[in-house]
Amino acid sequence: MLDIQTGEDVETLYRMVQIKGGKRVDKFRTTDIKRALRFHRWYVKRYGEGLLMEILPKHKVYDWKEKRVEYSFE
C-alpha cells in the first residue's frame, strides 16, 4: 500500500473480522492482499456470509527510555 503523505510503500496487515452478536472474531490475517481476497471469496462461497476487512498500516514506535524502535500494526 502506498502512503499518501510520503509516497513510499508501507507494509500493511489485512485482517478479516466477523462481527456477530456485538463480538468481534478474527477469522484470518495476512500481509498479502491477494491471499486475503481469495480467503474472503472462499468464505463467502462456503458459509454464505461476508466478512469485514480491516487494513492496518505498519507504524514505527520509538521507546525513548530504552532507545529502541519497534514496529507494530495498529
PDB file of N, CA and C in Angstrom:
ATOM      1  N   MET A   1       0.841  -1.168   0.000  1.00  0.00           N
ATOM      2  CA  MET A   1       0.000   0.000   0.000  1.00  0.00           C
ATOM      3  C   MET A   1       0.893   1.241   0.000  1.00  0.00           C
ATOM      4  N   LEU A   2       0.520   2.244  -0.747  1.00  0.00           N
ATOM      5  CA  LEU A   2       1.286   3.482  -0.807  1.00  0.00           C
ATOM      6  C   LEU A   2       0.784   4.476   0.234  1.00  0.00           C
ATOM      7  N   ASP A   3       1.707   5.095   0.927  1.00  0.00           N
ATOM      8  CA  ASP A   3       1.368   6.140   1.888  1.00  0.00           C
ATOM      9  C   ASP A   3       1.097   7.418   1.110  1.00  0.00           C
ATOM     10  N   ILE A   4      -0.004   8.082   1.407  1.00  0.00           N
ATOM     11  CA  ILE A   4      -0.396   9.283   0.666  1.00  0.00           C
ATOM     12  C   ILE A   4       0.550  10.444   0.958  1.00  0.00           C
ATOM     13  N   GLN A   5       0.964  10.597   2.206  1.00  0.00           N
ATOM     14  CA  GLN A   5       1.781  11.743   2.572  1.00  0.00           C
ATOM     15  C   GLN A   5       3.207  11.632   2.061  1.00  0.00           C
ATOM     16  N   THR A   6       3.832  10.465   2.210  1.00  0.00           N
ATOM     17  CA  THR A   6       5.239  10.329   1.827  1.00  0.00           C
ATOM     18  C   THR A   6       5.422   9.710   0.451  1.00  0.00           C
ATOM     19  N   GLY A   7       4.431   8.971  -0.040  1.00  0.00           N
ATOM     20  CA  GLY A   7       4.534   8.352  -1.355  1.00  0.00           C
ATOM     21  C   GLY A   7       5.354   7.076  -1.368  1.00  0.00           C
ATOM     22  N   GLU A   8       5.722   6.546  -0.204  1.00  0.00           N
ATOM     23  CA  GLU A   8       6.512   5.320  -0.168  1.00  0.00           C
ATOM     24  C   GLU A   8       5.631   4.117   0.141  1.00  0.00           C
ATOM     25  N   ASP A   9       6.122   2.941  -0.182  1.00  0.00           N
ATOM     26  CA  ASP A   9       5.381   1.712   0.025  1.00  0.00           C
ATOM     27  C   ASP A   9       5.439   1.309   1.494  1.00  0.00           C
ATOM     28  N   VAL A  10       4.279   1.086   2.105  1.00  0.00           N
ATOM     29  CA  VAL A  10       4.175   0.743   3.517  1.00  0.00           C
ATOM     30  C   VAL A  10       3.591  -0.664   3.628  1.00  0.00           C
ATOM     31  N   GLU A  11       4.204  -1.492   4.489  1.00  0.00           N
ATOM     32  CA  GLU A  11       3.673  -2.829   4.712  1.00  0.00           C
ATOM     33  C   GLU A  11       2.362  -2.723   5.491  1.00  0.00           C
ATOM     34  N   THR A  12       1.364  -3.497   5.092  1.00  0.00           N
ATOM     35  CA  THR A  12       0.061  -3.449   5.739  1.00  0.00           C
ATOM     36  C   THR A  12      -0.376  -4.843   6.154  1.00  0.00           C
ATOM     37  N   LEU A  13      -1.237  -4.888   7.138  1.00  0.00           N
ATOM     38  CA  LEU A  13      -1.830  -6.135   7.599  1.00  0.00           C
ATOM     39  C   LEU A  13      -3.307  -6.101   7.223  1.00  0.00           C
ATOM     40  N   TYR A  14      -3.758  -7.129   6.523  1.00  0.00           N
ATOM     41  CA  TYR A  14      -5.154  -7.254   6.130  1.00  0.00           C
ATOM     42  C   TYR A  14      -5.790  -8.267   7.072  1.00  0.00           C
ATOM     43  N   ARG A  15      -6.793  -7.828   7.824  1.00  0.00           N
ATOM     44  CA  ARG A  15      -7.424  -8.685   8.821  1.00  0.00           C
ATOM     45  C   ARG A  15      -8.897  -8.849   8.480  1.00  0.00           C
ATOM     46  N   MET A  16      -9.351 -10.105   8.393  1.00  0.00           N
ATOM     47  CA  MET A  16     -10.750 -10.420   8.124  1.00  0.00           C
ATOM     48  C   MET A  16     -11.432 -10.686   9.466  1.00  0.00           C
ATOM     49  N   VAL A  17     -12.514  -9.956   9.729  1.00  0.00           N
ATOM     50  CA  VAL A  17     -13.179  -9.992  11.027  1.00  0.00           C
ATOM     51  C   VAL A  17     -14.663 -10.267  10.824  1.00  0.00           C
ATOM     52  N   GLN A  18     -15.213 -11.104  11.689  1.00  0.00           N
ATOM     53  CA  GLN A  18     -16.647 -11.345  11.705  1.00  0.00           C
ATOM     54  C   GLN A  18     -17.218 -10.673  12.944  1.00  0.00           C
ATOM     55  N   ILE A  19     -18.297  -9.910  12.766  1.00  0.00           N
ATOM     56  CA  ILE A  19     -18.971  -9.276  13.889  1.00  0.00           C
ATOM     57  C   ILE A  19     -20.326  -9.951  14.032  1.00  0.00           C
ATOM     58  N   LYS A  20     -20.487 -10.640  15.140  1.00  0.00           N
ATOM     59  CA  LYS A  20     -21.721 -11.387  15.366  1.00  0.00           C
ATOM     60  C   LYS A  20     -22.136 -11.226  16.822  1.00  0.00           C
ATOM     61  N   GLY A  21     -23.323 -10.717  17.043  1.00  0.00           N
ATOM     62  CA  GLY A  21     -23.806 -10.519  18.407  1.00  0.00           C
ATOM     63  C   GLY A  21     -23.021  -9.476  19.173  1.00  0.00           C
ATOM     64  N   GLY A  22     -22.448  -8.506  18.486  1.00  0.00           N
ATOM     65  CA  GLY A  22     -21.676  -7.451  19.136  1.00  0.00           C
ATOM     66  C   GLY A  22     -20.252  -7.855  19.487  1.00  0.00           C
ATOM     67  N   LYS A  23     -19.824  -9.053  19.096  1.00  0.00           N
ATOM     68  CA  LYS A  23     -18.469  -9.506  19.379  1.00  0.00           C
ATOM     69  C   LYS A  23     -17.678  -9.624  18.083  1.00  0.00           C
ATOM     70  N   ARG A  24     -16.403  -9.297  18.161  1.00  0.00           N
ATOM     71  CA  ARG A  24     -15.510  -9.368  17.006  1.00  0.00           C
ATOM     72  C   ARG A  24     -14.705 -10.662  17.091  1.00  0.00           C
ATOM     73  N   VAL A  25     -14.705 -11.409  15.997  1.00  0.00           N
ATOM     74  CA  VAL A  25     -13.953 -12.654  15.932  1.00  0.00           C
ATOM     75  C   VAL A  25     -13.007 -12.560  14.740  1.00  0.00           C
ATOM     76  N   ASP A  26     -11.689 -12.659  15.005  1.00  0.00           N
ATOM     77  CA  ASP A  26     -10.708 -12.649  13.918  1.00  0.00           C
ATOM     78  C   ASP A  26     -10.771 -13.978  13.188  1.00  0.00           C
ATOM     79  N   LYS A  27     -10.948 -13.927  11.883  1.00  0.00           N
ATOM     80  CA  LYS A  27     -11.020 -15.139  11.085  1.00  0.00           C
ATOM     81  C   LYS A  27      -9.725 -15.404  10.328  1.00  0.00           C
ATOM     82  N   PHE A  28      -9.060 -14.334   9.864  1.00  0.00           N
ATOM     83  CA  PHE A  28      -7.893 -14.508   9.010  1.00  0.00           C
ATOM     84  C   PHE A  28      -7.088 -13.226   9.024  1.00  0.00           C
ATOM     85  N   ARG A  29      -5.756 -13.339   8.955  1.00  0.00           N
ATOM     86  CA  ARG A  29      -4.899 -12.159   8.845  1.00  0.00           C
ATOM     87  C   ARG A  29      -3.685 -12.506   7.997  1.00  0.00           C
ATOM     88  N   THR A  30      -3.298 -11.566   7.150  1.00  0.00           N
ATOM     89  CA  THR A  30      -2.162 -11.755   6.271  1.00  0.00           C
ATOM     90  C   THR A  30      -1.645 -10.392   5.818  1.00  0.00           C
ATOM     91  N   THR A  31      -0.453 -10.385   5.245  1.00  0.00           N
ATOM     92  CA  THR A  31       0.096  -9.151   4.684  1.00  0.00           C
ATOM     93  C   THR A  31      -0.045  -9.122   3.165  1.00  0.00           C
ATOM     94  N   ASP A  32      -0.632 -10.161   2.581  1.00  0.00           N
ATOM     95  CA  ASP A  32      -0.808 -10.255   1.131  1.00  0.00           C
ATOM     96  C   ASP A  32      -2.278 -10.020   0.782  1.00  0.00           C
ATOM     97  N   ILE A  33      -2.553  -9.003  -0.029  1.00  0.00           N
ATOM     98  CA  ILE A  33      -3.931  -8.656  -0.385  1.00  0.00           C
ATOM     99  C   ILE A  33      -4.591  -9.749  -1.217  1.00  0.00           C
ATOM    100  N   LYS A  34      -3.821 -10.416  -2.072  1.00  0.00           N
ATOM    101  CA  LYS A  34      -4.401 -11.465  -2.913  1.00  0.00           C
ATOM    102  C   LYS A  34      -4.862 -12.652  -2.075  1.00  0.00           C
ATOM    103  N   ARG A  35      -4.082 -13.020  -1.053  1.00  0.00           N
ATOM    104  CA  ARG A  35      -4.496 -14.115  -0.170  1.00  0.00           C
ATOM    105  C   ARG A  35      -5.738 -13.730   0.622  1.00  0.00           C
ATOM    106  N   ALA A  36      -5.828 -12.473   1.048  1.00  0.00           N
ATOM    107  CA  ALA A  36      -6.987 -12.020   1.817  1.00  0.00           C
ATOM    108  C   ALA A  36      -8.253 -12.071   0.964  1.00  0.00           C
ATOM    109  N   LEU A  37      -8.155 -11.605  -0.273  1.00  0.00           N
ATOM    110  CA  LEU A  37      -9.324 -11.626  -1.151  1.00  0.00           C
ATOM    111  C   LEU A  37      -9.720 -13.045  -1.539  1.00  0.00           C
ATOM    112  N   ARG A  38      -8.725 -13.913  -1.732  1.00  0.00           N
ATOM    113  CA  ARG A  38      -9.009 -15.316  -2.043  1.00  0.00           C
ATOM    114  C   ARG A  38      -9.703 -16.003  -0.864  1.00  0.00           C
ATOM    115  N   PHE A  39      -9.240 -15.713   0.366  1.00  0.00           N
ATOM    116  CA  PHE A  39      -9.887 -16.275   1.546  1.00  0.00           C
ATOM    117  C   PHE A  39     -11.313 -15.771   1.663  1.00  0.00           C
ATOM    118  N   HIS A  40     -11.542 -14.484   1.415  1.00  0.00           N
ATOM    119  CA  HIS A  40     -12.886 -13.926   1.520  1.00  0.00           C
ATOM    120  C   HIS A  40     -13.821 -14.562   0.493  1.00  0.00           C
ATOM    121  N   ARG A  41     -13.340 -14.740  -0.710  1.00  0.00           N
ATOM    122  CA  ARG A  41     -14.151 -15.372  -1.754  1.00  0.00           C
ATOM    123  C   ARG A  41     -14.522 -16.806  -1.346  1.00  0.00           C
ATOM    124  N   TRP A  42     -13.544 -17.556  -0.794  1.00  0.00           N
ATOM    125  CA  TRP A  42     -13.804 -18.915  -0.336  1.00  0.00           C
ATOM    126  C   TRP A  42     -14.800 -18.920   0.817  1.00  0.00           C
ATOM    127  N   TYR A  43     -14.646 -18.001   1.766  1.00  0.00           N
ATOM    128  CA  TYR A  43     -15.509 -17.945   2.940  1.00  0.00           C
ATOM    129  C   TYR A  43     -16.952 -17.653   2.554  1.00  0.00           C
ATOM    130  N   VAL A  44     -17.136 -16.715   1.628  1.00  0.00           N
ATOM    131  CA  VAL A  44     -18.489 -16.372   1.185  1.00  0.00           C
ATOM    132  C   VAL A  44     -19.120 -17.553   0.460  1.00  0.00           C
ATOM    133  N   LYS A  45     -18.341 -18.226  -0.364  1.00  0.00           N
ATOM    134  CA  LYS A  45     -18.870 -19.384  -1.089  1.00  0.00           C
ATOM    135  C   LYS A  45     -19.240 -20.508  -0.118  1.00  0.00           C
ATOM    136  N   ARG A  46     -18.443 -20.714   0.905  1.00  0.00           N
ATOM    137  CA  ARG A  46     -18.657 -21.806   1.853  1.00  0.00           C
ATOM    138  C   ARG A  46     -19.790 -21.523   2.841  1.00  0.00           C
ATOM    139  N   TYR A  47     -19.796 -20.316   3.452  1.00  0.00           N
ATOM    140  CA  TYR A  47     -20.737 -20.008   4.522  1.00  0.00           C
ATOM    141  C   TYR A  47     -21.878 -19.078   4.115  1.00  0.00           C
ATOM    142  N   GLY A  48     -21.776 -18.425   2.975  1.00  0.00           N
ATOM    143  CA  GLY A  48     -22.858 -17.571   2.503  1.00  0.00           C
ATOM    144  C   GLY A  48     -22.987 -16.248   3.244  1.00  0.00           C
ATOM    145  N   GLU A  49     -21.934 -15.804   3.915  1.00  0.00           N
ATOM    146  CA  GLU A  49     -21.947 -14.501   4.594  1.00  0.00           C
ATOM    147  C   GLU A  49     -20.579 -13.856   4.441  1.00  0.00           C
ATOM    148  N   GLY A  50     -20.579 -12.541   4.426  1.00  0.00           N
ATOM    149  CA  GLY A  50     -19.339 -11.808   4.214  1.00  0.00           C
ATOM    150  C   GLY A  50     -18.616 -11.477   5.511  1.00  0.00           C
ATOM    151  N   LEU A  51     -17.392 -10.987   5.355  1.00  0.00           N
ATOM    152  CA  LEU A  51     -16.564 -10.579   6.478  1.00  0.00           C
ATOM    153  C   LEU A  51     -16.154  -9.122   6.302  1.00  0.00           C
ATOM    154  N   LEU A  52     -15.772  -8.496   7.385  1.00  0.00           N
ATOM    155  CA  LEU A  52     -15.262  -7.129   7.369  1.00  0.00           C
ATOM    156  C   LEU A  52     -13.748  -7.180   7.208  1.00  0.00           C
ATOM    157  N   MET A  53     -13.209  -6.406   6.273  1.00  0.00           N
ATOM    158  CA  MET A  53     -11.760  -6.365   6.081  1.00  0.00           C
ATOM    159  C   MET A  53     -11.202  -5.092   6.690  1.00  0.00           C
ATOM    160  N   GLU A  54     -10.250  -5.249   7.593  1.00  0.00           N
ATOM    161  CA  GLU A  54      -9.561  -4.113   8.186  1.00  0.00           C
ATOM    162  C   GLU A  54      -8.174  -4.023   7.575  1.00  0.00           C
ATOM    163  N   ILE A  55      -7.754  -2.825   7.235  1.00  0.00           N
ATOM    164  CA  ILE A  55      -6.435  -2.595   6.658  1.00  0.00           C
ATOM    165  C   ILE A  55      -5.635  -1.775   7.670  1.00  0.00           C
ATOM    166  N   LEU A  56      -4.597  -2.387   8.230  1.00  0.00           N
ATOM    167  CA  LEU A  56      -3.797  -1.744   9.266  1.00  0.00           C
ATOM    168  C   LEU A  56      -2.378  -1.511   8.756  1.00  0.00           C
ATOM    169  N   PRO A  57      -1.945  -0.260   8.621  1.00  0.00           N
ATOM    170  CA  PRO A  57      -0.572   0.003   8.190  1.00  0.00           C
ATOM    171  C   PRO A  57       0.421  -0.239   9.321  1.00  0.00           C
ATOM    172  N   LYS A  58       1.663  -0.473   8.949  1.00  0.00           N
ATOM    173  CA  LYS A  58       2.731  -0.700   9.927  1.00  0.00           C
ATOM    174  C   LYS A  58       3.239   0.646  10.423  1.00  0.00           C
ATOM    175  N   HIS A  59       3.264   0.824  11.744  1.00  0.00           N
ATOM    176  CA  HIS A  59       3.722   2.069  12.347  1.00  0.00           C
ATOM    177  C   HIS A  59       5.043   1.860  13.076  1.00  0.00           C
ATOM    178  N   LYS A  60       5.866   2.900  13.056  1.00  0.00           N
ATOM    179  CA  LYS A  60       7.113   2.883  13.811  1.00  0.00           C
ATOM    180  C   LYS A  60       6.854   3.475  15.187  1.00  0.00           C
ATOM    181  N   VAL A  61       7.229   2.741  16.233  1.00  0.00           N
ATOM    182  CA  VAL A  61       7.046   3.183  17.618  1.00  0.00           C
ATOM    183  C   VAL A  61       8.426   3.301  18.249  1.00  0.00           C
ATOM    184  N   TYR A  62       8.758   4.500  18.729  1.00  0.00           N
ATOM    185  CA  TYR A  62      10.069   4.748  19.336  1.00  0.00           C
ATOM    186  C   TYR A  62       9.917   4.783  20.847  1.00  0.00           C
ATOM    187  N   ASP A  63      10.653   3.916  21.547  1.00  0.00           N
ATOM    188  CA  ASP A  63      10.674   3.889  23.003  1.00  0.00           C
ATOM    189  C   ASP A  63      11.880   4.720  23.458  1.00  0.00           C
ATOM    190  N   TRP A  64      11.603   5.922  23.960  1.00  0.00           N
ATOM    191  CA  TRP A  64      12.697   6.842  24.281  1.00  0.00           C
ATOM    192  C   TRP A  64      13.465   6.424  25.531  1.00  0.00           C
ATOM    193  N   LYS A  65      12.853   5.671  26.428  1.00  0.00           N
ATOM    194  CA  LYS A  65      13.561   5.223  27.622  1.00  0.00           C
ATOM    195  C   LYS A  65      14.614   4.178  27.280  1.00  0.00           C
ATOM    196  N   GLU A  66      14.233   3.232  26.449  1.00  0.00           N
ATOM    197  CA  GLU A  66      15.141   2.146  26.074  1.00  0.00           C
ATOM    198  C   GLU A  66      15.927   2.462  24.804  1.00  0.00           C
ATOM    199  N   LYS A  67      15.580   3.570  24.164  1.00  0.00           N
ATOM    200  CA  LYS A  67      16.203   3.978  22.897  1.00  0.00           C
ATOM    201  C   LYS A  67      16.130   2.838  21.879  1.00  0.00           C
ATOM    202  N   ARG A  68      14.890   2.404  21.654  1.00  0.00           N
ATOM    203  CA  ARG A  68      14.644   1.265  20.787  1.00  0.00           C
ATOM    204  C   ARG A  68      13.468   1.592  19.851  1.00  0.00           C
ATOM    205  N   VAL A  69      13.533   1.082  18.648  1.00  0.00           N
ATOM    206  CA  VAL A  69      12.466   1.270  17.667  1.00  0.00           C
ATOM    207  C   VAL A  69      11.783  -0.070  17.451  1.00  0.00           C
ATOM    208  N   GLU A  70      10.441  -0.061  17.550  1.00  0.00           N
ATOM    209  CA  GLU A  70       9.652  -1.247  17.294  1.00  0.00           C
ATOM    210  C   GLU A  70       8.621  -0.914  16.228  1.00  0.00           C
ATOM    211  N   TYR A  71       8.184  -1.913  15.525  1.00  0.00           N
ATOM    212  CA  TYR A  71       7.153  -1.750  14.501  1.00  0.00           C
ATOM    213  C   TYR A  71       5.926  -2.548  14.907  1.00  0.00           C
ATOM    214  N   SER A  72       4.743  -1.955  14.729  1.00  0.00           N
ATOM    215  CA  SER A  72       3.502  -2.650  15.083  1.00  0.00           C
ATOM    216  C   SER A  72       2.418  -2.290  14.093  1.00  0.00           C
ATOM    217  N   PHE A  73       1.462  -3.178  13.975  1.00  0.00           N
ATOM    218  CA  PHE A  73       0.270  -2.944  13.156  1.00  0.00           C
ATOM    219  C   PHE A  73      -0.846  -2.516  14.086  1.00  0.00           C
ATOM    220  N   GLU A  74      -1.200  -1.300  14.129  1.00  0.00           N
ATOM    221  CA  GLU A  74      -2.329  -0.790  14.934  1.00  0.00           C
ATOM    222  C   GLU A  74      -2.576   0.641  14.599  1.00  0.00           C
TER     223      GLU A  74
END
